[in-house]
């Protein structure tokens, strides 16, 4: 497993949905990779900090733009 792959798997790793074989590979890699340990600690800190933030409603304009983006991405995928 390479360092760049670690970043792609962290969301699933932290929410517990990463398959066991990938979790074991990830943990084996970070045991010997100080830069990945630092990255993971930063990632973990970000999760902790954002969980402390109060909930706020999404601005209407942001919601509209997000929906348009998702629809556009889905339509582009379907035309491939």
N, C-alpha and C. Protein backbone atom coordinates (compact mmCIF):
# COMPACT_ATOMS: atom_id res chain seq x y z
N UNK A 1 0.85 -1.17 0.00
CA UNK A 1 0.00 0.00 0.00
C UNK A 1 0.90 1.23 0.00
N UNK A 2 0.54 2.22 -0.82
CA UNK A 2 1.30 3.45 -0.93
C UNK A 2 0.64 4.57 -0.13
N UNK A 3 1.44 5.56 0.18
CA UNK A 3 0.96 6.68 1.00
C UNK A 3 -0.28 7.34 0.40
N UNK A 4 -0.29 7.54 -0.92
CA UNK A 4 -1.44 8.22 -1.53
C UNK A 4 -2.72 7.41 -1.37
N UNK A 5 -2.60 6.10 -1.28
CA UNK A 5 -3.78 5.26 -1.08
C UNK A 5 -4.35 5.42 0.32
N UNK A 6 -3.50 5.71 1.27
CA UNK A 6 -3.94 5.90 2.65
C UNK A 6 -4.99 7.02 2.71
N UNK A 7 -4.69 8.14 2.08
CA UNK A 7 -5.60 9.28 2.11
C UNK A 7 -6.97 8.93 1.54
N UNK A 8 -6.98 8.10 0.50
CA UNK A 8 -8.24 7.71 -0.14
C UNK A 8 -9.10 6.80 0.74
N UNK A 9 -8.47 6.12 1.69
CA UNK A 9 -9.18 5.13 2.51
C UNK A 9 -9.55 5.63 3.91
N UNK A 10 -9.06 6.80 4.29
CA UNK A 10 -9.24 7.23 5.68
C UNK A 10 -10.69 7.42 6.10
N UNK A 11 -11.53 7.93 5.23
CA UNK A 11 -12.94 8.09 5.59
C UNK A 11 -13.56 6.78 6.01
N UNK A 12 -13.36 5.76 5.18
CA UNK A 12 -13.90 4.43 5.49
C UNK A 12 -13.21 3.82 6.71
N UNK A 13 -11.92 4.10 6.86
CA UNK A 13 -11.18 3.57 8.02
C UNK A 13 -11.75 4.12 9.32
N UNK A 14 -11.97 5.43 9.37
CA UNK A 14 -12.45 6.03 10.60
C UNK A 14 -13.91 5.74 10.89
N UNK A 15 -14.72 5.50 9.86
CA UNK A 15 -16.12 5.18 10.16
C UNK A 15 -16.34 3.68 10.32
N UNK A 16 -15.27 2.89 10.19
CA UNK A 16 -15.37 1.45 10.44
C UNK A 16 -15.88 0.63 9.28
N UNK A 17 -16.00 1.22 8.10
CA UNK A 17 -16.56 0.46 6.98
C UNK A 17 -15.49 -0.09 6.03
N UNK A 18 -14.22 0.11 6.36
CA UNK A 18 -13.14 -0.41 5.53
C UNK A 18 -13.05 -1.92 5.74
N UNK A 19 -13.03 -2.69 4.64
CA UNK A 19 -12.91 -4.16 4.80
C UNK A 19 -11.65 -4.52 5.59
N UNK A 20 -11.74 -5.62 6.32
CA UNK A 20 -10.65 -6.03 7.22
C UNK A 20 -9.30 -6.13 6.53
N UNK A 21 -9.26 -6.70 5.34
CA UNK A 21 -7.97 -6.87 4.67
C UNK A 21 -7.33 -5.51 4.34
N UNK A 22 -8.15 -4.52 3.95
CA UNK A 22 -7.62 -3.19 3.68
C UNK A 22 -7.23 -2.47 4.96
N UNK A 23 -8.02 -2.66 6.00
CA UNK A 23 -7.69 -2.06 7.30
C UNK A 23 -6.34 -2.58 7.79
N UNK A 24 -6.14 -3.89 7.66
CA UNK A 24 -4.87 -4.48 8.10
C UNK A 24 -3.70 -3.96 7.27
N UNK A 25 -3.88 -3.83 5.96
CA UNK A 25 -2.82 -3.27 5.11
C UNK A 25 -2.52 -1.83 5.48
N UNK A 26 -3.57 -1.05 5.71
CA UNK A 26 -3.39 0.35 6.09
C UNK A 26 -2.63 0.44 7.41
N UNK A 27 -3.03 -0.33 8.39
CA UNK A 27 -2.38 -0.28 9.69
C UNK A 27 -0.93 -0.78 9.61
N UNK A 28 -0.67 -1.78 8.77
CA UNK A 28 0.69 -2.25 8.58
C UNK A 28 1.55 -1.15 7.97
N UNK A 29 0.99 -0.44 6.99
CA UNK A 29 1.74 0.64 6.34
C UNK A 29 2.05 1.76 7.33
N UNK A 30 1.05 2.20 8.07
CA UNK A 30 1.30 3.35 8.95
C UNK A 30 2.22 3.00 10.12
N UNK A 31 2.33 1.72 10.45
CA UNK A 31 3.28 1.33 11.50
C UNK A 31 4.71 1.71 11.12
N UNK A 32 5.01 1.76 9.82
CA UNK A 32 6.36 2.06 9.40
C UNK A 32 6.49 3.35 8.61
N UNK A 33 5.50 4.23 8.68
CA UNK A 33 5.52 5.44 7.85
C UNK A 33 5.18 6.68 8.69
N UNK A 34 6.18 7.33 9.25
CA UNK A 34 5.91 8.52 10.07
C UNK A 34 5.12 9.62 9.35
N UNK A 35 5.35 9.89 8.04
CA UNK A 35 4.53 10.92 7.39
C UNK A 35 3.04 10.56 7.38
N UNK A 36 2.72 9.29 7.19
CA UNK A 36 1.31 8.88 7.20
C UNK A 36 0.73 8.97 8.61
N UNK A 37 1.52 8.65 9.62
CA UNK A 37 1.05 8.79 11.00
C UNK A 37 0.70 10.26 11.27
N UNK A 38 1.56 11.17 10.83
CA UNK A 38 1.29 12.60 11.02
C UNK A 38 0.02 13.01 10.27
N UNK A 39 -0.14 12.52 9.04
CA UNK A 39 -1.33 12.85 8.25
C UNK A 39 -2.59 12.33 8.93
N UNK A 40 -2.54 11.10 9.40
CA UNK A 40 -3.70 10.49 10.05
C UNK A 40 -4.04 11.24 11.34
N UNK A 41 -3.04 11.64 12.09
CA UNK A 41 -3.31 12.41 13.31
C UNK A 41 -3.97 13.75 12.99
N UNK A 42 -3.53 14.39 11.91
CA UNK A 42 -4.16 15.64 11.48
C UNK A 42 -5.60 15.38 11.05
N UNK A 43 -5.81 14.32 10.30
CA UNK A 43 -7.15 13.95 9.83
C UNK A 43 -8.06 13.69 11.02
N UNK A 44 -7.56 12.94 11.98
CA UNK A 44 -8.33 12.62 13.19
C UNK A 44 -8.67 13.91 13.96
N UNK A 45 -7.70 14.81 14.06
CA UNK A 45 -7.93 16.09 14.74
C UNK A 45 -8.99 16.92 14.04
N UNK A 46 -8.99 16.87 12.72
CA UNK A 46 -10.00 17.61 11.95
C UNK A 46 -11.39 17.05 12.22
N UNK A 47 -11.50 15.74 12.26
CA UNK A 47 -12.80 15.11 12.56
C UNK A 47 -13.26 15.54 13.95
N UNK A 48 -12.38 15.48 14.92
CA UNK A 48 -12.73 15.86 16.29
C UNK A 48 -13.17 17.31 16.36
N UNK A 49 -12.43 18.18 15.70
CA UNK A 49 -12.77 19.61 15.72
C UNK A 49 -14.11 19.89 15.06
N UNK A 50 -14.38 19.26 13.93
CA UNK A 50 -15.64 19.53 13.24
C UNK A 50 -16.84 18.96 14.00
N UNK A 51 -16.63 17.92 14.76
CA UNK A 51 -17.75 17.38 15.54
C UNK A 51 -18.15 18.32 16.67
N UNK A 52 -17.25 19.20 17.06
CA UNK A 52 -17.55 20.16 18.12
C UNK A 52 -18.28 21.39 17.61
N UNK A 53 -18.32 21.57 16.31
CA UNK A 53 -18.98 22.74 15.74
C UNK A 53 -20.50 22.62 15.89
N UNK A 54 -21.15 23.74 16.13
CA UNK A 54 -22.62 23.68 16.20
C UNK A 54 -23.20 23.43 14.80
N UNK A 55 -24.33 22.76 14.77
CA UNK A 55 -24.99 22.53 13.49
C UNK A 55 -25.54 23.85 12.97
N UNK A 56 -25.46 24.02 11.67
CA UNK A 56 -25.97 25.23 11.03
C UNK A 56 -26.66 24.81 9.74
N UNK A 57 -27.75 25.49 9.41
CA UNK A 57 -28.43 25.14 8.16
C UNK A 57 -27.57 25.51 6.95
N UNK A 58 -27.70 24.73 5.90
CA UNK A 58 -26.96 25.02 4.67
C UNK A 58 -27.60 26.22 3.99
N UNK A 59 -26.80 27.19 3.58
CA UNK A 59 -27.36 28.33 2.86
C UNK A 59 -28.08 27.86 1.59
N UNK A 60 -29.18 28.50 1.27
CA UNK A 60 -30.02 28.10 0.14
C UNK A 60 -29.22 28.09 -1.17
N UNK A 61 -28.41 29.12 -1.40
CA UNK A 61 -27.64 29.19 -2.64
C UNK A 61 -26.63 28.05 -2.73
N UNK A 62 -25.99 27.71 -1.64
CA UNK A 62 -25.04 26.60 -1.64
C UNK A 62 -25.75 25.28 -1.93
N UNK A 63 -26.92 25.10 -1.34
CA UNK A 63 -27.69 23.89 -1.58
C UNK A 63 -28.08 23.79 -3.05
N UNK A 64 -28.51 24.88 -3.64
CA UNK A 64 -28.90 24.90 -5.05
C UNK A 64 -27.71 24.53 -5.93
N UNK A 65 -26.56 25.12 -5.66
CA UNK A 65 -25.36 24.85 -6.46
C UNK A 65 -24.88 23.41 -6.29
N UNK A 66 -24.98 22.88 -5.08
CA UNK A 66 -24.57 21.51 -4.82
C UNK A 66 -25.46 20.52 -5.58
N UNK A 67 -26.75 20.74 -5.54
CA UNK A 67 -27.68 19.87 -6.26
C UNK A 67 -27.40 19.92 -7.76
N UNK A 68 -27.16 21.11 -8.29
CA UNK A 68 -26.86 21.25 -9.72
C UNK A 68 -25.57 20.51 -10.08
N UNK A 69 -24.57 20.61 -9.21
CA UNK A 69 -23.31 19.93 -9.46
C UNK A 69 -23.49 18.41 -9.46
N UNK A 70 -24.20 17.89 -8.49
CA UNK A 70 -24.42 16.45 -8.40
C UNK A 70 -25.19 15.95 -9.61
N UNK A 71 -26.22 16.67 -10.02
CA UNK A 71 -26.98 16.28 -11.21
C UNK A 71 -26.10 16.29 -12.45
N UNK A 72 -25.27 17.31 -12.57
CA UNK A 72 -24.37 17.41 -13.71
C UNK A 72 -23.38 16.26 -13.74
N UNK A 73 -22.82 15.92 -12.61
CA UNK A 73 -21.87 14.82 -12.52
C UNK A 73 -22.55 13.49 -12.85
N UNK A 74 -23.77 13.32 -12.35
CA UNK A 74 -24.50 12.08 -12.62
C UNK A 74 -24.83 11.98 -14.11
N UNK A 75 -25.26 13.08 -14.72
CA UNK A 75 -25.59 13.07 -16.14
C UNK A 75 -24.35 12.78 -16.99
N UNK A 76 -23.22 13.35 -16.61
CA UNK A 76 -21.97 13.12 -17.34
C UNK A 76 -21.56 11.65 -17.24
N UNK A 77 -21.77 11.05 -16.08
CA UNK A 77 -21.42 9.65 -15.88
C UNK A 77 -22.32 8.75 -16.73
N UNK A 78 -23.59 9.10 -16.83
CA UNK A 78 -24.55 8.28 -17.57
C UNK A 78 -24.30 8.34 -19.07
N UNK A 79 -23.68 9.42 -19.56
CA UNK A 79 -23.45 9.55 -21.01
C UNK A 79 -22.16 8.87 -21.44
N UNK A 80 -21.39 8.35 -20.51
CA UNK A 80 -20.14 7.65 -20.88
C UNK A 80 -20.40 6.30 -21.41
